[in-house]
N, C-alpha and C. Protein backbone atom coordinates (compact mmCIF):
# COMPACT_ATOMS: atom_id res chain seq x y z
N UNK A 1 15.47 21.39 6.86
CA UNK A 1 14.74 20.77 7.97
C UNK A 1 15.73 20.25 9.00
N UNK A 2 15.54 20.61 10.25
CA UNK A 2 16.41 20.15 11.33
C UNK A 2 15.87 18.83 11.88
N UNK A 3 16.76 17.90 12.11
CA UNK A 3 16.41 16.61 12.69
C UNK A 3 17.08 16.49 14.03
N UNK A 4 16.31 16.19 15.05
CA UNK A 4 16.83 16.10 16.42
C UNK A 4 16.73 14.66 16.91
N UNK A 5 17.80 14.16 17.49
CA UNK A 5 17.79 12.84 18.10
C UNK A 5 17.07 12.92 19.44
N UNK A 6 15.97 12.18 19.56
CA UNK A 6 15.16 12.21 20.78
C UNK A 6 15.47 11.01 21.68
N UNK A 7 15.65 9.85 21.07
CA UNK A 7 15.85 8.64 21.85
C UNK A 7 16.70 7.67 21.04
N UNK A 8 17.54 6.92 21.69
CA UNK A 8 18.36 5.93 21.01
C UNK A 8 18.43 4.65 21.84
N UNK A 9 19.00 3.61 21.25
CA UNK A 9 19.10 2.33 21.95
C UNK A 9 17.89 1.44 21.76
N UNK A 10 16.96 1.85 20.90
CA UNK A 10 15.78 1.02 20.60
C UNK A 10 16.20 -0.14 19.70
N UNK A 11 15.48 -1.25 19.83
CA UNK A 11 15.84 -2.45 19.09
C UNK A 11 14.93 -2.62 17.86
N UNK A 12 15.36 -2.01 16.77
CA UNK A 12 14.67 -2.02 15.49
C UNK A 12 13.24 -1.48 15.63
N UNK A 13 13.11 -0.17 15.88
CA UNK A 13 11.79 0.44 16.07
C UNK A 13 11.01 0.56 14.76
N UNK A 14 9.71 0.41 14.87
CA UNK A 14 8.77 0.53 13.74
C UNK A 14 7.43 1.03 14.29
N UNK A 15 6.46 1.19 13.41
CA UNK A 15 5.07 1.42 13.78
C UNK A 15 4.79 2.52 14.78
N UNK A 16 5.32 3.75 14.60
CA UNK A 16 5.08 4.80 15.60
C UNK A 16 3.65 5.30 15.61
N UNK A 17 3.12 5.53 16.81
CA UNK A 17 1.79 6.11 17.00
C UNK A 17 1.94 7.38 17.82
N UNK A 18 1.53 8.51 17.28
CA UNK A 18 1.58 9.78 18.01
C UNK A 18 0.41 9.84 18.98
N UNK A 19 0.69 9.96 20.28
CA UNK A 19 -0.33 9.98 21.30
C UNK A 19 -0.69 11.42 21.68
N UNK A 20 -1.85 11.58 22.29
CA UNK A 20 -2.35 12.92 22.62
C UNK A 20 -1.49 13.64 23.65
N UNK A 21 -0.75 12.89 24.47
CA UNK A 21 0.07 13.52 25.50
C UNK A 21 1.44 13.95 24.97
N UNK A 22 1.67 13.80 23.68
CA UNK A 22 2.94 14.20 23.10
C UNK A 22 3.95 13.08 23.01
N UNK A 23 3.65 11.94 23.60
CA UNK A 23 4.55 10.79 23.52
C UNK A 23 4.30 10.02 22.23
N UNK A 24 5.19 9.10 21.95
CA UNK A 24 5.06 8.21 20.80
C UNK A 24 5.17 6.77 21.29
N UNK A 25 4.18 5.96 20.93
CA UNK A 25 4.27 4.53 21.21
C UNK A 25 4.69 3.84 19.93
N UNK A 26 5.71 3.00 20.03
CA UNK A 26 6.24 2.33 18.86
C UNK A 26 6.54 0.87 19.17
N UNK A 27 6.72 0.10 18.11
CA UNK A 27 7.11 -1.29 18.26
C UNK A 27 8.62 -1.40 18.21
N UNK A 28 9.16 -2.38 18.91
CA UNK A 28 10.56 -2.76 18.77
C UNK A 28 10.55 -4.21 18.29
N UNK A 29 10.83 -4.41 17.01
CA UNK A 29 10.68 -5.74 16.44
C UNK A 29 11.65 -6.72 17.09
N UNK A 30 12.91 -6.35 17.15
CA UNK A 30 13.89 -7.24 17.78
C UNK A 30 13.64 -7.34 19.28
N UNK A 31 13.24 -6.25 19.91
CA UNK A 31 13.02 -6.24 21.36
C UNK A 31 11.75 -6.93 21.79
N UNK A 32 10.84 -7.24 20.85
CA UNK A 32 9.60 -7.96 21.13
C UNK A 32 8.71 -7.21 22.13
N UNK A 33 8.54 -5.91 21.89
CA UNK A 33 7.77 -5.11 22.84
C UNK A 33 7.25 -3.84 22.19
N UNK A 34 6.30 -3.22 22.89
CA UNK A 34 5.86 -1.86 22.59
C UNK A 34 6.49 -0.95 23.63
N UNK A 35 6.96 0.20 23.18
CA UNK A 35 7.65 1.15 24.05
C UNK A 35 7.06 2.54 23.86
N UNK A 36 6.92 3.26 24.96
CA UNK A 36 6.50 4.66 24.89
C UNK A 36 7.73 5.55 25.02
N UNK A 37 7.91 6.46 24.05
CA UNK A 37 8.98 7.45 24.11
C UNK A 37 8.35 8.80 24.42
N UNK A 38 8.76 9.40 25.51
CA UNK A 38 8.20 10.67 25.94
C UNK A 38 8.92 11.83 25.25
N UNK A 39 8.32 13.03 25.27
CA UNK A 39 8.93 14.17 24.58
C UNK A 39 10.35 14.49 25.05
N UNK A 40 10.67 14.16 26.31
CA UNK A 40 12.02 14.45 26.82
C UNK A 40 13.01 13.34 26.47
N UNK A 41 12.55 12.31 25.75
CA UNK A 41 13.45 11.23 25.32
C UNK A 41 13.46 10.03 26.23
N UNK A 42 12.86 10.13 27.40
CA UNK A 42 12.80 8.96 28.27
C UNK A 42 11.81 7.95 27.70
N UNK A 43 11.98 6.70 28.06
CA UNK A 43 11.12 5.65 27.52
C UNK A 43 10.65 4.72 28.62
N UNK A 44 9.52 4.10 28.36
CA UNK A 44 8.98 3.14 29.31
C UNK A 44 8.33 2.00 28.56
N UNK A 45 8.37 0.83 29.16
CA UNK A 45 7.77 -0.35 28.56
C UNK A 45 6.25 -0.24 28.59
N UNK A 46 5.62 -0.51 27.45
CA UNK A 46 4.16 -0.56 27.39
C UNK A 46 3.68 -1.99 27.57
N UNK A 47 4.22 -2.91 26.77
CA UNK A 47 3.86 -4.32 26.89
C UNK A 47 4.88 -5.16 26.13
N UNK A 48 5.18 -6.33 26.67
CA UNK A 48 6.01 -7.30 25.96
C UNK A 48 5.09 -8.18 25.12
N UNK A 49 5.32 -8.20 23.82
CA UNK A 49 4.41 -8.89 22.91
C UNK A 49 4.88 -10.27 22.50
N UNK A 50 6.19 -10.53 22.64
CA UNK A 50 6.74 -11.74 22.06
C UNK A 50 6.80 -11.61 20.55
N UNK A 51 7.34 -12.62 19.89
CA UNK A 51 7.35 -12.64 18.43
C UNK A 51 8.15 -11.51 17.83
N UNK A 52 7.52 -10.78 16.91
CA UNK A 52 8.14 -9.65 16.25
C UNK A 52 7.12 -8.60 15.91
N UNK A 53 6.75 -7.71 16.85
CA UNK A 53 5.75 -6.68 16.59
C UNK A 53 6.25 -5.70 15.53
N UNK A 54 5.47 -5.50 14.48
CA UNK A 54 5.91 -4.66 13.37
C UNK A 54 5.06 -3.39 13.28
N UNK A 55 3.87 -3.47 12.71
CA UNK A 55 2.99 -2.31 12.64
C UNK A 55 2.14 -2.19 13.89
N UNK A 56 1.66 -0.98 14.15
CA UNK A 56 0.77 -0.73 15.28
C UNK A 56 -0.18 0.40 14.92
N UNK A 57 -1.38 0.35 15.43
CA UNK A 57 -2.38 1.38 15.15
C UNK A 57 -3.40 1.43 16.27
N UNK A 58 -3.94 2.61 16.53
CA UNK A 58 -5.07 2.76 17.44
C UNK A 58 -6.34 2.39 16.69
N UNK A 59 -7.07 1.40 17.18
CA UNK A 59 -8.29 0.96 16.55
C UNK A 59 -9.49 1.80 16.96
N UNK A 60 -10.64 1.53 16.37
CA UNK A 60 -11.86 2.28 16.70
C UNK A 60 -12.31 2.07 18.15
N UNK A 61 -11.80 1.01 18.79
CA UNK A 61 -12.12 0.73 20.19
C UNK A 61 -11.16 1.38 21.16
N UNK A 62 -10.18 2.14 20.65
CA UNK A 62 -9.22 2.81 21.51
C UNK A 62 -8.05 1.95 21.93
N UNK A 63 -8.05 0.68 21.53
CA UNK A 63 -6.94 -0.23 21.85
C UNK A 63 -5.85 -0.13 20.79
N UNK A 64 -4.66 -0.61 21.13
CA UNK A 64 -3.58 -0.69 20.17
C UNK A 64 -3.62 -2.05 19.48
N UNK A 65 -3.66 -2.04 18.16
CA UNK A 65 -3.65 -3.26 17.38
C UNK A 65 -2.26 -3.43 16.77
N UNK A 66 -1.77 -4.67 16.78
CA UNK A 66 -0.39 -4.95 16.43
C UNK A 66 -0.33 -6.05 15.38
N UNK A 67 0.41 -5.79 14.30
CA UNK A 67 0.73 -6.85 13.35
C UNK A 67 2.05 -7.46 13.78
N UNK A 68 2.00 -8.71 14.22
CA UNK A 68 3.17 -9.39 14.78
C UNK A 68 3.61 -10.50 13.82
N UNK A 69 4.85 -10.44 13.38
CA UNK A 69 5.33 -11.44 12.42
C UNK A 69 5.73 -12.76 13.06
N UNK A 70 5.58 -12.86 14.38
CA UNK A 70 5.86 -14.12 15.06
C UNK A 70 7.33 -14.45 15.21
N UNK A 71 8.20 -13.46 15.02
CA UNK A 71 9.64 -13.72 15.11
C UNK A 71 10.18 -14.26 13.79
N UNK A 72 9.88 -13.56 12.70
CA UNK A 72 10.21 -14.07 11.36
C UNK A 72 11.65 -13.80 10.93
N UNK A 73 12.44 -13.16 11.80
CA UNK A 73 13.82 -12.84 11.40
C UNK A 73 14.83 -13.33 12.43
N UNK A 74 15.98 -13.76 11.93
CA UNK A 74 17.17 -13.83 12.75
C UNK A 74 17.86 -12.48 12.62
N UNK A 75 18.48 -12.01 13.69
CA UNK A 75 19.04 -10.66 13.68
C UNK A 75 20.54 -10.70 13.52
N UNK A 76 21.05 -9.88 12.58
CA UNK A 76 22.45 -9.86 12.24
C UNK A 76 23.04 -8.49 12.54
N UNK A 77 24.29 -8.47 12.94
CA UNK A 77 25.02 -7.23 13.17
C UNK A 77 26.02 -7.03 12.03
N UNK A 78 25.95 -5.86 11.40
CA UNK A 78 26.81 -5.60 10.25
C UNK A 78 27.27 -4.15 10.29
N UNK A 79 28.53 -3.95 10.60
CA UNK A 79 29.08 -2.60 10.63
C UNK A 79 28.40 -1.68 11.62
N UNK A 80 28.00 -2.22 12.75
CA UNK A 80 27.33 -1.41 13.77
C UNK A 80 25.84 -1.26 13.53
N UNK A 81 25.33 -1.89 12.49
CA UNK A 81 23.90 -1.83 12.20
C UNK A 81 23.25 -3.19 12.47
N UNK A 82 22.02 -3.15 12.98
CA UNK A 82 21.23 -4.36 13.19
C UNK A 82 20.30 -4.52 12.00
N UNK A 83 20.38 -5.67 11.33
CA UNK A 83 19.55 -5.88 10.14
C UNK A 83 18.82 -7.22 10.27
N UNK A 84 17.61 -7.31 9.72
CA UNK A 84 16.88 -8.57 9.75
C UNK A 84 17.48 -9.57 8.78
N UNK A 85 17.63 -10.80 9.25
CA UNK A 85 18.21 -11.85 8.43
C UNK A 85 17.20 -12.92 8.06
N UNK A 86 17.66 -14.14 7.88
CA UNK A 86 16.77 -15.22 7.45
C UNK A 86 15.70 -15.56 8.50
N UNK A 87 14.67 -16.24 8.04
CA UNK A 87 13.63 -16.71 8.95
C UNK A 87 14.14 -17.93 9.70
N UNK A 88 14.08 -17.93 11.04
CA UNK A 88 14.60 -19.07 11.80
C UNK A 88 13.70 -20.30 11.66
N UNK A 89 14.26 -21.50 11.81
CA UNK A 89 13.46 -22.73 11.71
C UNK A 89 12.33 -22.80 12.73
N UNK A 90 12.46 -22.07 13.83
CA UNK A 90 11.45 -22.11 14.90
C UNK A 90 10.20 -21.32 14.55
N UNK A 91 10.24 -20.54 13.48
CA UNK A 91 9.10 -19.68 13.14
C UNK A 91 7.92 -20.52 12.66
N UNK A 92 6.76 -20.31 13.25
CA UNK A 92 5.55 -21.06 12.86
C UNK A 92 4.46 -20.17 12.28
N UNK A 93 4.65 -18.86 12.31
CA UNK A 93 3.64 -17.96 11.76
C UNK A 93 3.46 -16.73 12.64
N UNK A 94 2.70 -15.76 12.11
CA UNK A 94 2.45 -14.52 12.84
C UNK A 94 1.01 -14.40 13.27
N UNK A 95 0.64 -13.22 13.79
CA UNK A 95 -0.69 -13.05 14.36
C UNK A 95 -1.02 -11.57 14.53
N UNK A 96 -2.29 -11.31 14.75
CA UNK A 96 -2.78 -9.96 15.02
C UNK A 96 -3.13 -9.88 16.50
N UNK A 97 -2.54 -8.92 17.20
CA UNK A 97 -2.75 -8.76 18.63
C UNK A 97 -3.51 -7.47 18.94
N UNK A 98 -4.16 -7.47 20.09
CA UNK A 98 -4.87 -6.29 20.59
C UNK A 98 -4.41 -6.03 22.01
N UNK A 99 -3.97 -4.78 22.27
CA UNK A 99 -3.56 -4.41 23.62
C UNK A 99 -4.47 -3.32 24.14
N UNK A 100 -5.15 -3.60 25.24
CA UNK A 100 -6.07 -2.66 25.86
C UNK A 100 -5.27 -1.72 26.77
N UNK A 101 -5.24 -0.44 26.44
CA UNK A 101 -4.45 0.52 27.21
C UNK A 101 -4.99 0.72 28.62
N UNK A 102 -6.28 0.44 28.84
CA UNK A 102 -6.86 0.62 30.17
C UNK A 102 -6.64 -0.59 31.07
N UNK A 103 -6.93 -1.77 30.55
CA UNK A 103 -6.82 -2.99 31.37
C UNK A 103 -5.44 -3.64 31.29
N UNK A 104 -4.63 -3.21 30.33
CA UNK A 104 -3.30 -3.77 30.09
C UNK A 104 -3.36 -5.23 29.63
N UNK A 105 -4.48 -5.62 29.06
CA UNK A 105 -4.63 -7.00 28.58
C UNK A 105 -4.18 -7.11 27.13
N UNK A 106 -3.34 -8.11 26.85
CA UNK A 106 -2.86 -8.39 25.50
C UNK A 106 -3.49 -9.69 25.02
N UNK A 107 -4.16 -9.65 23.87
CA UNK A 107 -4.81 -10.85 23.34
C UNK A 107 -4.45 -11.02 21.87
N UNK A 108 -4.49 -12.27 21.43
CA UNK A 108 -4.33 -12.58 20.01
C UNK A 108 -5.71 -12.75 19.40
N UNK A 109 -6.02 -11.94 18.39
CA UNK A 109 -7.35 -11.95 17.79
C UNK A 109 -7.39 -12.83 16.54
N UNK A 110 -6.35 -12.78 15.73
CA UNK A 110 -6.29 -13.61 14.52
C UNK A 110 -4.90 -14.22 14.38
N UNK A 111 -4.85 -15.49 14.01
CA UNK A 111 -3.58 -16.10 13.64
C UNK A 111 -3.70 -16.93 12.36
N UNK A 112 -4.88 -16.94 11.76
CA UNK A 112 -5.09 -17.72 10.54
C UNK A 112 -6.27 -17.15 9.77
N UNK A 113 -6.38 -17.57 8.51
CA UNK A 113 -7.51 -17.21 7.66
C UNK A 113 -7.92 -18.45 6.88
N UNK A 114 -9.14 -18.90 7.09
CA UNK A 114 -9.68 -20.09 6.43
C UNK A 114 -8.76 -21.29 6.62
N UNK A 115 -8.25 -21.43 7.84
CA UNK A 115 -7.43 -22.58 8.19
C UNK A 115 -5.96 -22.47 7.82
N UNK A 116 -5.56 -21.38 7.15
CA UNK A 116 -4.16 -21.20 6.78
C UNK A 116 -3.52 -20.17 7.68
N UNK A 117 -2.39 -20.52 8.28
CA UNK A 117 -1.71 -19.62 9.20
C UNK A 117 -1.28 -18.33 8.53
N UNK A 118 -1.40 -17.22 9.25
CA UNK A 118 -0.76 -15.99 8.83
C UNK A 118 0.75 -16.21 8.92
N UNK A 119 1.50 -15.58 8.03
CA UNK A 119 2.94 -15.83 7.98
C UNK A 119 3.72 -14.73 8.68
N UNK A 120 3.61 -13.50 8.17
CA UNK A 120 4.37 -12.41 8.76
C UNK A 120 3.63 -11.09 8.65
N UNK A 121 2.53 -10.89 9.40
CA UNK A 121 1.81 -9.62 9.35
C UNK A 121 2.75 -8.43 9.52
N UNK A 122 2.53 -7.38 8.69
CA UNK A 122 3.52 -6.32 8.59
C UNK A 122 2.96 -4.93 8.90
N UNK A 123 1.89 -4.53 8.23
CA UNK A 123 1.38 -3.16 8.35
C UNK A 123 -0.14 -3.21 8.43
N UNK A 124 -0.75 -2.21 9.04
CA UNK A 124 -2.21 -2.22 9.18
C UNK A 124 -2.76 -0.81 9.19
N UNK A 125 -4.05 -0.71 8.85
CA UNK A 125 -4.76 0.56 8.88
C UNK A 125 -6.25 0.26 9.02
N UNK A 126 -6.96 1.14 9.70
CA UNK A 126 -8.41 0.98 9.89
C UNK A 126 -9.17 1.91 8.96
N UNK A 127 -10.32 1.43 8.45
CA UNK A 127 -11.13 2.27 7.59
C UNK A 127 -12.27 2.91 8.40
N UNK A 128 -13.07 3.70 7.72
CA UNK A 128 -14.13 4.46 8.40
C UNK A 128 -15.18 3.54 9.01
N UNK A 129 -15.33 2.35 8.46
CA UNK A 129 -16.30 1.39 8.99
C UNK A 129 -15.79 0.65 10.21
N UNK A 130 -14.51 0.85 10.56
CA UNK A 130 -13.92 0.16 11.70
C UNK A 130 -13.22 -1.12 11.32
N UNK A 131 -13.25 -1.48 10.03
CA UNK A 131 -12.55 -2.68 9.58
C UNK A 131 -11.06 -2.44 9.45
N UNK A 132 -10.32 -3.52 9.47
CA UNK A 132 -8.86 -3.44 9.46
C UNK A 132 -8.29 -4.09 8.20
N UNK A 133 -7.48 -3.33 7.49
CA UNK A 133 -6.70 -3.87 6.39
C UNK A 133 -5.29 -4.13 6.91
N UNK A 134 -4.73 -5.28 6.57
CA UNK A 134 -3.32 -5.49 6.94
C UNK A 134 -2.61 -6.32 5.88
N UNK A 135 -1.33 -6.06 5.76
CA UNK A 135 -0.49 -6.80 4.83
C UNK A 135 0.26 -7.89 5.57
N UNK A 136 0.49 -8.99 4.88
CA UNK A 136 1.30 -10.10 5.40
C UNK A 136 2.51 -10.22 4.49
N UNK A 137 3.67 -9.95 5.04
CA UNK A 137 4.90 -9.86 4.29
C UNK A 137 5.39 -11.20 3.76
N UNK A 138 4.89 -12.31 4.34
CA UNK A 138 5.43 -13.61 3.99
C UNK A 138 6.79 -13.81 4.63
N UNK A 139 7.55 -14.79 4.18
CA UNK A 139 8.90 -15.02 4.70
C UNK A 139 9.67 -15.91 3.73
N UNK A 140 10.97 -15.96 3.95
CA UNK A 140 11.84 -16.81 3.13
C UNK A 140 12.22 -18.06 3.90
N UNK A 141 12.29 -19.18 3.21
CA UNK A 141 12.70 -20.45 3.80
C UNK A 141 13.75 -21.09 2.90
N UNK A 142 14.49 -22.07 3.41
CA UNK A 142 15.47 -22.77 2.54
C UNK A 142 14.82 -23.39 1.31
N UNK A 143 13.53 -23.71 1.40
CA UNK A 143 12.83 -24.32 0.28
C UNK A 143 12.28 -23.29 -0.71
N UNK A 144 12.30 -22.02 -0.34
CA UNK A 144 11.78 -20.98 -1.22
C UNK A 144 10.92 -19.99 -0.46
N UNK A 145 10.35 -19.06 -1.19
CA UNK A 145 9.57 -17.97 -0.62
C UNK A 145 8.16 -18.42 -0.25
N UNK A 146 7.73 -18.08 0.97
CA UNK A 146 6.32 -18.20 1.34
C UNK A 146 5.66 -16.85 1.06
N UNK A 147 4.80 -16.80 0.06
CA UNK A 147 4.23 -15.53 -0.35
C UNK A 147 3.21 -15.03 0.68
N UNK A 148 3.13 -13.72 0.77
CA UNK A 148 2.19 -13.09 1.67
C UNK A 148 0.88 -12.76 1.00
N UNK A 149 0.09 -11.90 1.66
CA UNK A 149 -1.24 -11.56 1.15
C UNK A 149 -1.67 -10.25 1.79
N UNK A 150 -2.81 -9.74 1.33
CA UNK A 150 -3.46 -8.59 1.94
C UNK A 150 -4.81 -9.06 2.47
N UNK A 151 -5.12 -8.70 3.72
CA UNK A 151 -6.33 -9.19 4.39
C UNK A 151 -7.21 -8.03 4.84
N UNK A 152 -8.48 -8.35 5.02
CA UNK A 152 -9.44 -7.43 5.62
C UNK A 152 -10.12 -8.16 6.78
N UNK A 153 -10.14 -7.55 7.96
CA UNK A 153 -10.66 -8.23 9.14
C UNK A 153 -11.49 -7.28 9.99
N UNK A 154 -12.43 -7.83 10.72
CA UNK A 154 -13.22 -7.06 11.68
C UNK A 154 -12.57 -7.13 13.05
N UNK A 155 -12.52 -6.02 13.78
CA UNK A 155 -11.83 -6.01 15.06
C UNK A 155 -12.53 -6.78 16.17
N UNK A 156 -13.77 -7.24 15.94
CA UNK A 156 -14.44 -8.05 16.97
C UNK A 156 -14.06 -9.53 16.86
N UNK A 157 -13.18 -9.86 15.92
CA UNK A 157 -12.73 -11.24 15.78
C UNK A 157 -13.66 -12.14 15.01
N UNK A 158 -14.70 -11.57 14.39
CA UNK A 158 -15.73 -12.39 13.76
C UNK A 158 -15.44 -12.74 12.30
N UNK A 159 -14.53 -12.00 11.66
CA UNK A 159 -14.37 -12.22 10.22
C UNK A 159 -13.00 -11.76 9.75
N UNK A 160 -12.36 -12.59 8.92
CA UNK A 160 -11.13 -12.22 8.25
C UNK A 160 -11.22 -12.73 6.81
N UNK A 161 -10.88 -11.86 5.86
CA UNK A 161 -10.98 -12.20 4.44
C UNK A 161 -9.64 -11.99 3.75
N UNK A 162 -9.30 -12.91 2.89
CA UNK A 162 -8.10 -12.76 2.06
C UNK A 162 -8.49 -11.94 0.83
N UNK A 163 -7.87 -10.78 0.66
CA UNK A 163 -8.25 -9.86 -0.41
C UNK A 163 -7.32 -9.93 -1.61
N UNK A 164 -6.06 -10.31 -1.41
CA UNK A 164 -5.11 -10.41 -2.51
C UNK A 164 -4.06 -11.46 -2.16
N UNK A 165 -3.97 -12.50 -2.99
CA UNK A 165 -3.00 -13.58 -2.77
C UNK A 165 -2.70 -14.24 -4.11
N UNK A 166 -1.45 -14.60 -4.40
CA UNK A 166 -0.26 -14.31 -3.59
C UNK A 166 0.24 -12.89 -3.85
N UNK A 167 1.03 -12.40 -2.91
CA UNK A 167 1.64 -11.09 -3.06
C UNK A 167 3.05 -11.16 -2.48
N UNK A 168 4.01 -10.60 -3.20
CA UNK A 168 5.41 -10.70 -2.81
C UNK A 168 5.79 -9.53 -1.91
N UNK A 169 5.91 -9.81 -0.62
CA UNK A 169 6.33 -8.84 0.39
C UNK A 169 5.44 -7.59 0.45
N UNK A 170 4.13 -7.75 0.53
CA UNK A 170 3.26 -6.57 0.58
C UNK A 170 3.46 -5.78 1.87
N UNK A 171 3.41 -4.46 1.73
CA UNK A 171 3.60 -3.56 2.87
C UNK A 171 2.69 -2.35 2.70
N UNK A 172 2.66 -1.50 3.70
CA UNK A 172 2.12 -0.14 3.61
C UNK A 172 0.71 -0.08 3.03
N UNK A 173 -0.23 -0.75 3.68
CA UNK A 173 -1.64 -0.64 3.26
C UNK A 173 -2.11 0.79 3.51
N UNK A 174 -2.78 1.35 2.52
CA UNK A 174 -3.20 2.74 2.62
C UNK A 174 -4.62 2.90 2.08
N UNK A 175 -5.41 3.83 2.65
CA UNK A 175 -6.79 4.05 2.20
C UNK A 175 -6.83 4.84 0.91
N UNK A 176 -8.01 4.92 0.29
CA UNK A 176 -8.14 5.72 -0.94
C UNK A 176 -7.78 7.18 -0.70
N UNK A 177 -7.28 7.82 -1.74
CA UNK A 177 -6.90 9.23 -1.61
C UNK A 177 -8.12 10.14 -1.58
N UNK A 178 -9.26 9.64 -2.06
CA UNK A 178 -10.48 10.44 -2.10
C UNK A 178 -11.61 9.67 -1.42
N UNK A 179 -12.43 10.32 -0.58
CA UNK A 179 -13.45 9.61 0.18
C UNK A 179 -14.50 8.90 -0.67
N UNK A 180 -14.67 9.30 -1.93
CA UNK A 180 -15.67 8.67 -2.78
C UNK A 180 -15.11 7.47 -3.55
N UNK A 181 -13.86 7.20 -3.37
CA UNK A 181 -13.25 6.07 -4.07
C UNK A 181 -13.12 4.88 -3.13
N UNK A 182 -13.12 3.69 -3.70
CA UNK A 182 -13.13 2.49 -2.89
C UNK A 182 -11.86 1.66 -3.02
N UNK A 183 -10.96 2.04 -3.92
CA UNK A 183 -9.77 1.24 -4.14
C UNK A 183 -8.71 1.50 -3.08
N UNK A 184 -8.33 0.45 -2.36
CA UNK A 184 -7.24 0.53 -1.40
C UNK A 184 -5.95 0.17 -2.11
N UNK A 185 -4.85 0.67 -1.59
CA UNK A 185 -3.56 0.44 -2.23
C UNK A 185 -2.58 -0.16 -1.23
N UNK A 186 -1.64 -0.91 -1.77
CA UNK A 186 -0.53 -1.37 -0.96
C UNK A 186 0.69 -1.48 -1.87
N UNK A 187 1.87 -1.45 -1.28
CA UNK A 187 3.11 -1.57 -2.03
C UNK A 187 3.74 -2.92 -1.72
N UNK A 188 4.38 -3.50 -2.72
CA UNK A 188 5.10 -4.74 -2.54
C UNK A 188 6.52 -4.56 -3.06
N UNK A 189 7.43 -5.30 -2.45
CA UNK A 189 8.82 -5.28 -2.90
C UNK A 189 9.14 -6.61 -3.54
N UNK A 190 9.35 -6.61 -4.83
CA UNK A 190 9.59 -7.85 -5.56
C UNK A 190 11.01 -8.33 -5.29
N UNK A 191 11.23 -9.64 -5.49
CA UNK A 191 12.55 -10.21 -5.27
C UNK A 191 13.61 -9.62 -6.20
N UNK A 192 13.15 -8.99 -7.30
CA UNK A 192 14.08 -8.32 -8.21
C UNK A 192 14.45 -6.92 -7.71
N UNK A 193 13.98 -6.58 -6.50
CA UNK A 193 14.22 -5.28 -5.87
C UNK A 193 13.41 -4.16 -6.52
N UNK A 194 12.43 -4.50 -7.31
CA UNK A 194 11.52 -3.51 -7.84
C UNK A 194 10.30 -3.42 -6.93
N UNK A 195 9.71 -2.24 -6.88
CA UNK A 195 8.49 -2.06 -6.10
C UNK A 195 7.30 -1.93 -7.04
N UNK A 196 6.18 -2.50 -6.61
CA UNK A 196 4.98 -2.32 -7.39
C UNK A 196 3.81 -2.14 -6.44
N UNK A 197 2.74 -1.56 -6.95
CA UNK A 197 1.57 -1.28 -6.13
C UNK A 197 0.38 -2.08 -6.61
N UNK A 198 -0.47 -2.49 -5.69
CA UNK A 198 -1.69 -3.19 -6.02
C UNK A 198 -2.89 -2.38 -5.57
N UNK A 199 -4.05 -2.72 -6.14
CA UNK A 199 -5.29 -2.06 -5.75
C UNK A 199 -6.31 -3.13 -5.40
N UNK A 200 -7.19 -2.81 -4.47
CA UNK A 200 -8.25 -3.73 -4.09
C UNK A 200 -9.46 -2.93 -3.66
N UNK A 201 -10.64 -3.29 -4.19
CA UNK A 201 -11.86 -2.63 -3.77
C UNK A 201 -12.24 -3.06 -2.37
N UNK A 202 -12.87 -2.16 -1.64
CA UNK A 202 -13.35 -2.48 -0.31
C UNK A 202 -14.41 -3.57 -0.39
N UNK A 203 -14.54 -4.41 0.65
CA UNK A 203 -15.61 -5.42 0.67
C UNK A 203 -16.98 -4.76 0.55
N UNK A 204 -17.98 -5.50 0.06
CA UNK A 204 -19.31 -4.91 -0.16
C UNK A 204 -19.93 -4.30 1.08
N UNK A 205 -19.62 -4.84 2.27
CA UNK A 205 -20.22 -4.33 3.50
C UNK A 205 -19.36 -3.27 4.17
N UNK A 206 -18.42 -2.73 3.42
CA UNK A 206 -17.50 -1.73 3.98
C UNK A 206 -17.71 -0.40 3.30
N UNK A 207 -18.04 0.64 4.07
CA UNK A 207 -18.21 1.97 3.49
C UNK A 207 -16.86 2.54 3.08
N UNK A 208 -16.77 3.23 1.95
CA UNK A 208 -15.51 3.84 1.56
C UNK A 208 -15.02 4.77 2.64
N UNK A 209 -13.77 4.62 3.08
CA UNK A 209 -13.27 5.42 4.18
C UNK A 209 -12.87 6.82 3.75
N UNK A 210 -13.04 7.77 4.65
CA UNK A 210 -12.55 9.11 4.38
C UNK A 210 -11.35 9.43 5.27
N UNK A 211 -11.10 8.58 6.22
CA UNK A 211 -9.94 8.80 7.11
C UNK A 211 -9.57 7.46 7.72
N UNK A 212 -8.40 7.41 8.29
CA UNK A 212 -7.97 6.19 8.97
C UNK A 212 -7.32 6.55 10.28
N UNK A 213 -7.23 5.59 11.16
CA UNK A 213 -6.58 5.81 12.45
C UNK A 213 -5.07 5.81 12.26
N UNK A 214 -4.37 6.27 13.29
CA UNK A 214 -2.91 6.31 13.22
C UNK A 214 -2.37 4.93 12.97
N UNK A 215 -1.38 4.84 12.13
CA UNK A 215 -0.82 3.52 11.81
C UNK A 215 0.66 3.64 11.58
N UNK A 216 1.32 2.52 11.64
CA UNK A 216 2.74 2.49 11.34
C UNK A 216 3.14 1.16 10.77
N UNK A 217 4.31 1.07 10.27
CA UNK A 217 4.77 -0.18 9.70
C UNK A 217 5.83 0.07 8.68
């Protein structure tokens, strides 16, 4: 397989979304923005999000939904590589954002669940019912680990549910492999550097999905 360098100089890119025009919209976590990379390698700013945009996905409403960790990392340079470091003292939590591609409006839809702040939203995916599953990676503090969780939320802002807590660094929420199954999966990275997977049934008011929208994280 041949690999071609299309674009460089991005600041910790994540969450790529393949667009119909052949471009890719992705997050730049360190750069605090969404960027469009065109097929010829040129890039343009989509929106400055602040914080630390990680995952991104096109929702059922056609908008871009963003899992933003709120700036959960200090950035370190090591041997020419940029790597995420400790959580800075200024970090207060993350949030779920919505960017309307037509109006260019950026809004925060969720920043808490049942009165508890989201910590570091990481990855997201939409199910066939239009609901959103997302993982919260948590963060590290001098006092110890703040554990994350897996959430299910409605894109109209009316409901957010905690589906799995605590979870150590959950990532990569994925739909069932078969349309008749209801178990969603996610991967977590344990502090021992082992990976494990969890399962969660869809909420009662959620139809088992057969497909999901484009997602990254």
